[in-house]
Amino acid sequence: IASGGFAVYDMAWYRQRPGKQRELVARIGTEETTNYADSVKGR
């Protein structure tokens, strides 16, 4: 949840697994278009 009186465009979740670089998990645009990492698709 974000607060501060502003417009929000793209929103996304990233993760950093132990010993790994941060990676994109999922993103959702203003029109609710989504994309997912292959490793989480369907889950």
All heavy atoms as atom14 arrays in JSON, in Angstrom:
{
  "sequence": "IASGGFAVYDMAWYRQRPGKQRELVARIGTEETTNYADSVKGR",
  "atom14_mask": [
    [1, 1, 1, 1, 1, 1, 1, 1, 0, 0, 0, 0, 0, 0],
    [1, 1, 1, 1, 1, 0, 0, 0, 0, 0, 0, 0, 0, 0],
    [1, 1, 1, 1, 1, 1, 0, 0, 0, 0, 0, 0, 0, 0],
    [1, 1, 1, 1, 0, 0, 0, 0, 0, 0, 0, 0, 0, 0],
    [1, 1, 1, 1, 0, 0, 0, 0, 0, 0, 0, 0, 0, 0],
    [1, 1, 1, 1, 1, 1, 1, 1, 1, 1, 1, 0, 0, 0],
    [1, 1, 1, 1, 1, 0, 0, 0, 0, 0, 0, 0, 0, 0],
    [1, 1, 1, 1, 1, 1, 1, 0, 0, 0, 0, 0, 0, 0],
    [1, 1, 1, 1, 1, 1, 1, 1, 1, 1, 1, 1, 0, 0],
    [1, 1, 1, 1, 1, 1, 1, 1, 0, 0, 0, 0, 0, 0],
    [1, 1, 1, 1, 1, 1, 1, 1, 0, 0, 0, 0, 0, 0],
    [1, 1, 1, 1, 1, 0, 0, 0, 0, 0, 0, 0, 0, 0],
    [1, 1, 1, 1, 1, 1, 1, 1, 1, 1, 1, 1, 1, 1],
    [1, 1, 1, 1, 1, 1, 1, 1, 1, 1, 1, 1, 0, 0],
    [1, 1, 1, 1, 1, 1, 1, 1, 1, 1, 1, 0, 0, 0],
    [1, 1, 1, 1, 1, 1, 1, 1, 1, 0, 0, 0, 0, 0],
    [1, 1, 1, 1, 1, 1, 1, 1, 1, 1, 1, 0, 0, 0],
    [1, 1, 1, 1, 1, 1, 1, 0, 0, 0, 0, 0, 0, 0],
    [1, 1, 1, 1, 0, 0, 0, 0, 0, 0, 0, 0, 0, 0],
    [1, 1, 1, 1, 1, 1, 1, 1, 1, 0, 0, 0, 0, 0],
    [1, 1, 1, 1, 1, 1, 1, 1, 1, 0, 0, 0, 0, 0],
    [1, 1, 1, 1, 1, 1, 1, 1, 1, 1, 1, 0, 0, 0],
    [1, 1, 1, 1, 1, 1, 1, 1, 1, 0, 0, 0, 0, 0],
    [1, 1, 1, 1, 1, 1, 1, 1, 0, 0, 0, 0, 0, 0],
    [1, 1, 1, 1, 1, 1, 1, 0, 0, 0, 0, 0, 0, 0],
    [1, 1, 1, 1, 1, 0, 0, 0, 0, 0, 0, 0, 0, 0],
    [1, 1, 1, 1, 1, 1, 1, 1, 1, 1, 1, 0, 0, 0],
    [1, 1, 1, 1, 1, 1, 1, 1, 0, 0, 0, 0, 0, 0],
    [1, 1, 1, 1, 0, 0, 0, 0, 0, 0, 0, 0, 0, 0],
    [1, 1, 1, 1, 1, 1, 1, 0, 0, 0, 0, 0, 0, 0],
    [1, 1, 1, 1, 1, 1, 1, 1, 1, 0, 0, 0, 0, 0],
    [1, 1, 1, 1, 1, 1, 1, 1, 1, 0, 0, 0, 0, 0],
    [1, 1, 1, 1, 1, 1, 1, 0, 0, 0, 0, 0, 0, 0],
    [1, 1, 1, 1, 1, 1, 1, 0, 0, 0, 0, 0, 0, 0],
    [1, 1, 1, 1, 1, 1, 1, 1, 0, 0, 0, 0, 0, 0],
    [1, 1, 1, 1, 1, 1, 1, 1, 1, 1, 1, 1, 0, 0],
    [1, 1, 1, 1, 1, 0, 0, 0, 0, 0, 0, 0, 0, 0],
    [1, 1, 1, 1, 1, 1, 1, 1, 0, 0, 0, 0, 0, 0],
    [1, 1, 1, 1, 1, 1, 0, 0, 0, 0, 0, 0, 0, 0],
    [1, 1, 1, 1, 1, 1, 1, 0, 0, 0, 0, 0, 0, 0],
    [1, 1, 1, 1, 1, 1, 1, 1, 1, 0, 0, 0, 0, 0],
    [1, 1, 1, 1, 0, 0, 0, 0, 0, 0, 0, 0, 0, 0],
    [1, 1, 1, 1, 1, 1, 1, 1, 1, 1, 1, 0, 0, 0]
  ],
  "atom14_positions": [
    [[0.85, -1.19, 0.0], [0.0, 0.0, 0.0], [0.88, 1.23, 0.0], [1.8, 1.34, 0.83], [-0.92, 0.0, 1.22], [-1.78, -1.27, 1.24], [-1.8, 1.24, 1.21], [-2.6, -1.41, 2.51], [0.0, 0.0, 0.0], [0.0, 0.0, 0.0], [0.0, 0.0, 0.0], [0.0, 0.0, 0.0], [0.0, 0.0, 0.0], [0.0, 0.0, 0.0]],
    [[0.58, 2.15, -0.92], [1.36, 3.37, -1.02], [0.49, 4.58, -0.7], [-0.68, 4.63, -1.07], [1.93, 3.51, -2.43], [0.0, 0.0, 0.0], [0.0, 0.0, 0.0], [0.0, 0.0, 0.0], [0.0, 0.0, 0.0], [0.0, 0.0, 0.0], [0.0, 0.0, 0.0], [0.0, 0.0, 0.0], [0.0, 0.0, 0.0], [0.0, 0.0, 0.0]],
    [[1.06, 5.53, -0.03], [0.34, 6.75, 0.31], [1.22, 7.95, 0.02], [2.45, 7.85, 0.03], [-0.07, 6.74, 1.78], [1.07, 6.66, 2.6], [0.0, 0.0, 0.0], [0.0, 0.0, 0.0], [0.0, 0.0, 0.0], [0.0, 0.0, 0.0], [0.0, 0.0, 0.0], [0.0, 0.0, 0.0], [0.0, 0.0, 0.0], [0.0, 0.0, 0.0]],
    [[0.57, 9.1, -0.22], [1.37, 10.28, -0.48], [0.75, 11.25, -1.47], [1.36, 12.27, -1.76], [0.0, 0.0, 0.0], [0.0, 0.0, 0.0], [0.0, 0.0, 0.0], [0.0, 0.0, 0.0], [0.0, 0.0, 0.0], [0.0, 0.0, 0.0], [0.0, 0.0, 0.0], [0.0, 0.0, 0.0], [0.0, 0.0, 0.0], [0.0, 0.0, 0.0]],
    [[-0.44, 10.91, -2.0], [-1.11, 11.85, -2.89], [-0.45, 12.01, -4.23], [-0.02, 13.11, -4.59], [0.0, 0.0, 0.0], [0.0, 0.0, 0.0], [0.0, 0.0, 0.0], [0.0, 0.0, 0.0], [0.0, 0.0, 0.0], [0.0, 0.0, 0.0], [0.0, 0.0, 0.0], [0.0, 0.0, 0.0], [0.0, 0.0, 0.0], [0.0, 0.0, 0.0]],
    [[-0.36, 10.93, -4.99], [0.3, 10.96, -6.28], [-0.37, 9.94, -7.21], [-1.18, 9.13, -6.77], [1.77, 10.56, -6.11], [1.93, 9.33, -5.27], [1.84, 8.07, -5.83], [2.12, 9.42, -3.9], [1.94, 6.93, -5.05], [2.22, 8.29, -3.11], [2.13, 7.05, -3.69], [0.0, 0.0, 0.0], [0.0, 0.0, 0.0], [0.0, 0.0, 0.0]],
    [[-0.04, 10.0, -8.48], [-0.56, 9.03, -9.44], [0.4, 7.85, -9.52], [1.61, 8.04, -9.54], [-0.71, 9.68, -10.81], [0.0, 0.0, 0.0], [0.0, 0.0, 0.0], [0.0, 0.0, 0.0], [0.0, 0.0, 0.0], [0.0, 0.0, 0.0], [0.0, 0.0, 0.0], [0.0, 0.0, 0.0], [0.0, 0.0, 0.0], [0.0, 0.0, 0.0]],
    [[-0.17, 6.65, -9.57], [0.64, 5.44, -9.68], [0.44, 4.82, -11.04], [-0.69, 4.65, -11.49], [0.26, 4.42, -8.58], [1.12, 3.16, -8.72], [0.47, 5.03, -7.2], [0.0, 0.0, 0.0], [0.0, 0.0, 0.0], [0.0, 0.0, 0.0], [0.0, 0.0, 0.0], [0.0, 0.0, 0.0], [0.0, 0.0, 0.0], [0.0, 0.0, 0.0]],
    [[1.5, 4.5, -11.7], [1.43, 3.91, -13.03], [1.68, 2.41, -12.93], [0.85, 1.68, -12.41], [2.41, 4.61, -13.96], [2.24, 6.12, -13.95], [3.33, 6.97, -13.74], [0.99, 6.7, -14.11], [3.18, 8.35, -13.71], [0.83, 8.08, -14.07], [1.93, 8.89, -13.88], [1.77, 10.26, -13.83], [0.0, 0.0, 0.0], [0.0, 0.0, 0.0]],
    [[2.81, 1.91, -13.39], [3.08, 0.48, -13.27], [3.36, 0.09, -11.82], [3.95, 0.86, -11.06], [4.3, 0.1, -14.11], [3.98, 0.04, -15.59], [2.81, 0.25, -15.96], [4.91, -0.22, -16.38], [0.0, 0.0, 0.0], [0.0, 0.0, 0.0], [0.0, 0.0, 0.0], [0.0, 0.0, 0.0], [0.0, 0.0, 0.0], [0.0, 0.0, 0.0]],
    [[2.91, -1.11, -11.46], [3.16, -1.67, -10.14], [3.73, -3.06, -10.34], [3.28, -3.78, -11.25], [1.87, -1.72, -9.32], [1.1, -0.41, -9.3], [-0.5, -0.55, -8.45], [0.01, -0.17, -6.77], [0.0, 0.0, 0.0], [0.0, 0.0, 0.0], [0.0, 0.0, 0.0], [0.0, 0.0, 0.0], [0.0, 0.0, 0.0], [0.0, 0.0, 0.0]],
    [[4.69, -3.44, -9.52], [5.34, -4.72, -9.74], [5.82, -5.31, -8.42], [5.97, -4.6, -7.42], [6.53, -4.57, -10.7], [0.0, 0.0, 0.0], [0.0, 0.0, 0.0], [0.0, 0.0, 0.0], [0.0, 0.0, 0.0], [0.0, 0.0, 0.0], [0.0, 0.0, 0.0], [0.0, 0.0, 0.0], [0.0, 0.0, 0.0], [0.0, 0.0, 0.0]],
    [[6.02, -6.61, -8.44], [6.67, -7.33, -7.34], [7.98, -7.93, -7.87], [7.99, -8.55, -8.95], [5.77, -8.43, -6.8], [4.65, -7.94, -5.96], [3.37, -7.7, -6.33], [4.73, -7.63, -4.55], [2.63, -7.24, -5.27], [3.44, -7.19, -4.16], [5.74, -7.67, -3.6], [3.15, -6.81, -2.85], [5.46, -7.29, -2.3], [4.17, -6.87, -1.94]],
    [[9.02, -7.74, -7.09], [10.31, -8.34, -7.36], [10.66, -9.24, -6.18], [10.08, -9.14, -5.1], [11.4, -7.28, -7.5], [11.38, -6.52, -8.8], [10.42, -5.52, -9.02], [12.3, -6.77, -9.8], [10.4, -4.81, -10.23], [12.29, -6.07, -11.0], [11.33, -5.09, -11.2], [11.31, -4.4, -12.38], [0.0, 0.0, 0.0], [0.0, 0.0, 0.0]],
    [[11.62, -10.11, -6.38], [12.11, -10.92, -5.26], [13.61, -11.13, -5.4], [14.16, -11.1, -6.51], [11.39, -12.26, -5.19], [11.73, -13.23, -6.32], [10.9, -14.51, -6.19], [11.2, -15.47, -7.26], [10.53, -16.59, -7.45], [9.5, -16.92, -6.65], [10.86, -17.41, -8.45], [0.0, 0.0, 0.0], [0.0, 0.0, 0.0], [0.0, 0.0, 0.0]],
    [[14.23, -11.33, -4.26], [15.64, -11.68, -4.23], [15.79, -12.96, -3.43], [15.59, -12.95, -2.2], [16.49, -10.56, -3.64], [17.98, -10.84, -3.75], [18.82, -9.61, -3.54], [18.37, -8.62, -2.98], [20.06, -9.65, -4.0], [0.0, 0.0, 0.0], [0.0, 0.0, 0.0], [0.0, 0.0, 0.0], [0.0, 0.0, 0.0], [0.0, 0.0, 0.0]],
    [[16.1, -14.03, -4.12], [16.31, -15.31, -3.47], [17.72, -15.37, -2.9], [18.61, -14.67, -3.37], [16.06, -16.43, -4.47], [14.61, -16.5, -4.93], [14.35, -17.67, -5.84], [14.8, -17.41, -7.21], [14.65, -18.27, -8.19], [14.11, -19.46, -7.98], [15.07, -17.97, -9.41], [0.0, 0.0, 0.0], [0.0, 0.0, 0.0], [0.0, 0.0, 0.0]],
    [[17.95, -16.22, -1.89], [19.29, -16.3, -1.28], [20.37, -16.58, -2.32], [20.26, -17.52, -3.1], [19.14, -17.47, -0.3], [17.68, -17.49, 0.04], [16.97, -17.09, -1.23], [0.0, 0.0, 0.0], [0.0, 0.0, 0.0], [0.0, 0.0, 0.0], [0.0, 0.0, 0.0], [0.0, 0.0, 0.0], [0.0, 0.0, 0.0], [0.0, 0.0, 0.0]],
    [[21.38, -15.73, -2.33], [22.49, -15.91, -3.25], [22.21, -15.55, -4.69], [23.05, -15.8, -5.57], [0.0, 0.0, 0.0], [0.0, 0.0, 0.0], [0.0, 0.0, 0.0], [0.0, 0.0, 0.0], [0.0, 0.0, 0.0], [0.0, 0.0, 0.0], [0.0, 0.0, 0.0], [0.0, 0.0, 0.0], [0.0, 0.0, 0.0], [0.0, 0.0, 0.0]],
    [[21.04, -14.95, -4.95], [20.67, -14.61, -6.33], [20.45, -13.1, -6.46], [20.29, -12.39, -5.48], [19.37, -15.33, -6.72], [19.4, -16.84, -6.58], [20.24, -17.48, -7.66], [20.11, -18.99, -7.61], [20.93, -19.64, -8.66], [0.0, 0.0, 0.0], [0.0, 0.0, 0.0], [0.0, 0.0, 0.0], [0.0, 0.0, 0.0], [0.0, 0.0, 0.0]],
    [[20.44, -12.63, -7.72], [20.11, -11.24, -7.97], [18.6, -11.04, -7.92], [17.83, -11.98, -8.1], [20.65, -10.82, -9.35], [22.16, -10.73, -9.43], [22.63, -10.13, -10.72], [21.97, -10.23, -11.75], [23.78, -9.47, -10.68], [0.0, 0.0, 0.0], [0.0, 0.0, 0.0], [0.0, 0.0, 0.0], [0.0, 0.0, 0.0], [0.0, 0.0, 0.0]],
    [[18.22, -9.81, -7.67], [16.79, -9.5, -7.65], [16.18, -9.74, -9.03], [16.81, -9.41, -10.05], [16.58, -8.05, -7.22], [15.12, -7.66, -7.04], [14.99, -6.39, -6.24], [15.71, -5.28, -6.84], [15.92, -4.11, -6.22], [15.47, -3.93, -5.0], [16.57, -3.15, -6.84], [0.0, 0.0, 0.0], [0.0, 0.0, 0.0], [0.0, 0.0, 0.0]],
    [[14.98, -10.27, -9.05], [14.31, -10.6, -10.31], [12.86, -10.16, -10.28], [12.22, -10.12, -9.22], [14.37, -12.11, -10.57], [13.71, -12.95, -9.49], [13.8, -14.44, -9.73], [14.26, -14.86, -10.82], [13.42, -15.2, -8.83], [0.0, 0.0, 0.0], [0.0, 0.0, 0.0], [0.0, 0.0, 0.0], [0.0, 0.0, 0.0], [0.0, 0.0, 0.0]],
    [[12.34, -9.85, -11.45], [10.94, -9.49, -11.57], [10.08, -10.72, -11.4], [10.33, -11.76, -12.02], [10.67, -8.87, -12.94], [9.21, -8.55, -13.26], [8.7, -7.43, -12.37], [9.05, -8.19, -14.72], [0.0, 0.0, 0.0], [0.0, 0.0, 0.0], [0.0, 0.0, 0.0], [0.0, 0.0, 0.0], [0.0, 0.0, 0.0], [0.0, 0.0, 0.0]],
    [[9.06, -10.62, -10.57], [8.1, -11.7, -10.37], [6.86, -11.46, -11.22], [6.42, -12.33, -11.97], [7.7, -11.83, -8.89], [6.64, -12.92, -8.71], [8.92, -12.12, -8.03], [0.0, 0.0, 0.0], [0.0, 0.0, 0.0], [0.0, 0.0, 0.0], [0.0, 0.0, 0.0], [0.0, 0.0, 0.0], [0.0, 0.0, 0.0], [0.0, 0.0, 0.0]],
    [[6.28, -10.25, -11.09], [5.06, -9.94, -11.83], [4.91, -8.43, -11.91], [5.35, -7.71, -11.01], [3.84, -10.55, -11.15], [0.0, 0.0, 0.0], [0.0, 0.0, 0.0], [0.0, 0.0, 0.0], [0.0, 0.0, 0.0], [0.0, 0.0, 0.0], [0.0, 0.0, 0.0], [0.0, 0.0, 0.0], [0.0, 0.0, 0.0], [0.0, 0.0, 0.0]],
    [[4.28, -7.98, -12.99], [4.05, -6.55, -13.19], [2.62, -6.37, -13.67], [2.09, -7.19, -14.42], [5.02, -5.98, -14.22], [4.79, -4.52, -14.54], [5.7, -4.03, -15.63], [7.08, -3.87, -15.16], [8.1, -4.56, -15.66], [7.92, -5.42, -16.64], [9.31, -4.37, -15.18], [0.0, 0.0, 0.0], [0.0, 0.0, 0.0], [0.0, 0.0, 0.0]],
    [[2.02, -5.24, -13.26], [0.68, -4.9, -13.72], [0.65, -3.44, -14.11], [1.09, -2.57, -13.35], [-0.39, -5.24, -12.66], [-1.8, -4.99, -13.2], [-0.15, -4.51, -11.34], [-2.89, -5.62, -12.33], [0.0, 0.0, 0.0], [0.0, 0.0, 0.0], [0.0, 0.0, 0.0], [0.0, 0.0, 0.0], [0.0, 0.0, 0.0], [0.0, 0.0, 0.0]],
    [[0.14, -3.16, -15.3], [0.08, -1.8, -15.8], [-1.2, -1.09, -15.42], [-2.08, -1.66, -14.75], [0.0, 0.0, 0.0], [0.0, 0.0, 0.0], [0.0, 0.0, 0.0], [0.0, 0.0, 0.0], [0.0, 0.0, 0.0], [0.0, 0.0, 0.0], [0.0, 0.0, 0.0], [0.0, 0.0, 0.0], [0.0, 0.0, 0.0], [0.0, 0.0, 0.0]],
    [[-1.32, 0.15, -15.85], [-2.49, 0.95, -15.5], [-3.76, 0.38, -16.12], [-4.85, 0.58, -15.58], [-2.32, 2.39, -15.96], [-1.97, 2.4, -17.35], [-1.21, 3.08, -15.16], [0.0, 0.0, 0.0], [0.0, 0.0, 0.0], [0.0, 0.0, 0.0], [0.0, 0.0, 0.0], [0.0, 0.0, 0.0], [0.0, 0.0, 0.0], [0.0, 0.0, 0.0]],
    [[-3.65, -0.3, -17.26], [-4.8, -0.94, -17.9], [-4.96, -2.38, -17.42], [-5.71, -3.15, -18.03], [-4.64, -0.9, -19.42], [-4.5, 0.5, -20.01], [-5.72, 1.35, -19.74], [-6.85, 0.81, -19.79], [-5.55, 2.56, -19.48], [0.0, 0.0, 0.0], [0.0, 0.0, 0.0], [0.0, 0.0, 0.0], [0.0, 0.0, 0.0], [0.0, 0.0, 0.0]],
    [[-4.23, -2.73, -16.36], [-4.27, -4.06, -15.75], [-3.74, -5.15, -16.67], [-4.07, -6.32, -16.49], [-5.67, -4.38, -15.23], [-6.17, -3.36, -14.22], [-7.24, -3.88, -13.29], [-7.5, -5.09, -13.28], [-7.84, -3.06, -12.57], [0.0, 0.0, 0.0], [0.0, 0.0, 0.0], [0.0, 0.0, 0.0], [0.0, 0.0, 0.0], [0.0, 0.0, 0.0]],
    [[-2.91, -4.77, -17.62], [-2.17, -5.8, -18.36], [-1.09, -6.33, -17.43], [-0.5, -5.59, -16.63], [-1.52, -5.21, -19.62], [-0.72, -4.08, -19.25], [-2.57, -4.77, -20.61], [0.0, 0.0, 0.0], [0.0, 0.0, 0.0], [0.0, 0.0, 0.0], [0.0, 0.0, 0.0], [0.0, 0.0, 0.0], [0.0, 0.0, 0.0], [0.0, 0.0, 0.0]],
    [[-0.85, -7.62, -17.52], [0.08, -8.25, -16.59], [1.15, -9.05, -17.34], [0.94, -9.49, -18.46], [-0.66, -9.21, -15.64], [-1.33, -10.21, -16.42], [-1.67, -8.47, -14.79], [0.0, 0.0, 0.0], [0.0, 0.0, 0.0], [0.0, 0.0, 0.0], [0.0, 0.0, 0.0], [0.0, 0.0, 0.0], [0.0, 0.0, 0.0], [0.0, 0.0, 0.0]],
    [[2.29, -9.21, -16.68], [3.27, -10.17, -17.16], [3.95, -10.81, -15.95], [4.03, -10.18, -14.88], [4.28, -9.56, -18.13], [5.09, -8.45, -17.53], [4.61, -7.34, -17.33], [6.35, -8.74, -17.22], [0.0, 0.0, 0.0], [0.0, 0.0, 0.0], [0.0, 0.0, 0.0], [0.0, 0.0, 0.0], [0.0, 0.0, 0.0], [0.0, 0.0, 0.0]],
    [[4.36, -12.04, -16.14], [4.88, -12.85, -15.04], [6.2, -13.52, -15.45], [6.43, -13.83, -16.62], [3.9, -13.97, -14.69], [2.58, -13.5, -14.14], [1.5, -13.23, -14.98], [2.4, -13.32, -12.76], [0.28, -12.8, -14.47], [1.2, -12.89, -12.25], [0.14, -12.63, -13.12], [-1.07, -12.2, -12.6], [0.0, 0.0, 0.0], [0.0, 0.0, 0.0]],
    [[7.02, -13.75, -14.45], [8.19, -14.59, -14.66], [7.71, -16.0, -14.99], [6.7, -16.46, -14.46], [9.06, -14.61, -13.41], [0.0, 0.0, 0.0], [0.0, 0.0, 0.0], [0.0, 0.0, 0.0], [0.0, 0.0, 0.0], [0.0, 0.0, 0.0], [0.0, 0.0, 0.0], [0.0, 0.0, 0.0], [0.0, 0.0, 0.0], [0.0, 0.0, 0.0]],
    [[8.44, -16.68, -15.86], [8.03, -18.03, -16.25], [7.91, -18.96, -15.04], [7.04, -19.84, -15.0], [9.05, -18.62, -17.23], [8.97, -17.99, -18.61], [7.93, -17.35, -18.92], [9.94, -18.11, -19.37], [0.0, 0.0, 0.0], [0.0, 0.0, 0.0], [0.0, 0.0, 0.0], [0.0, 0.0, 0.0], [0.0, 0.0, 0.0], [0.0, 0.0, 0.0]],
    [[8.74, -18.74, -14.04], [8.78, -19.63, -12.89], [7.54, -19.53, -12.02], [7.3, -20.42, -11.19], [10.02, -19.33, -12.04], [10.02, -17.98, -11.62], [0.0, 0.0, 0.0], [0.0, 0.0, 0.0], [0.0, 0.0, 0.0], [0.0, 0.0, 0.0], [0.0, 0.0, 0.0], [0.0, 0.0, 0.0], [0.0, 0.0, 0.0], [0.0, 0.0, 0.0]],
    [[6.73, -18.48, -12.18], [5.55, -18.32, -11.33], [4.24, -18.34, -12.12], [3.16, -18.29, -11.52], [5.63, -17.02, -10.49], [6.94, -16.95, -9.72], [5.43, -15.79, -11.36], [0.0, 0.0, 0.0], [0.0, 0.0, 0.0], [0.0, 0.0, 0.0], [0.0, 0.0, 0.0], [0.0, 0.0, 0.0], [0.0, 0.0, 0.0], [0.0, 0.0, 0.0]],
    [[4.31, -18.43, -13.43], [3.09, -18.43, -14.24], [2.19, -19.59, -13.84], [2.64, -20.71, -13.65], [3.46, -18.55, -15.72], [3.94, -17.26, -16.35], [4.26, -17.45, -17.82], [4.78, -16.17, -18.43], [5.19, -16.35, -19.85], [0.0, 0.0, 0.0], [0.0, 0.0, 0.0], [0.0, 0.0, 0.0], [0.0, 0.0, 0.0], [0.0, 0.0, 0.0]],
    [[0.91, -19.26, -13.69], [-0.06, -20.26, -13.31], [-0.17, -20.49, -11.82], [-1.07, -21.18, -11.35], [0.0, 0.0, 0.0], [0.0, 0.0, 0.0], [0.0, 0.0, 0.0], [0.0, 0.0, 0.0], [0.0, 0.0, 0.0], [0.0, 0.0, 0.0], [0.0, 0.0, 0.0], [0.0, 0.0, 0.0], [0.0, 0.0, 0.0], [0.0, 0.0, 0.0]],
    [[0.76, -19.91, -11.06], [0.73, -20.09, -9.6], [0.5, -18.76, -8.87], [-0.15, -18.73, -7.84], [2.05, -20.7, -9.11], [2.36, -22.05, -9.71], [3.59, -22.68, -9.03], [4.8, -21.9, -9.21], [5.53, -21.42, -8.2], [5.16, -21.64, -6.94], [6.64, -20.74, -8.45], [0.0, 0.0, 0.0], [0.0, 0.0, 0.0], [0.0, 0.0, 0.0]]
  ]
}
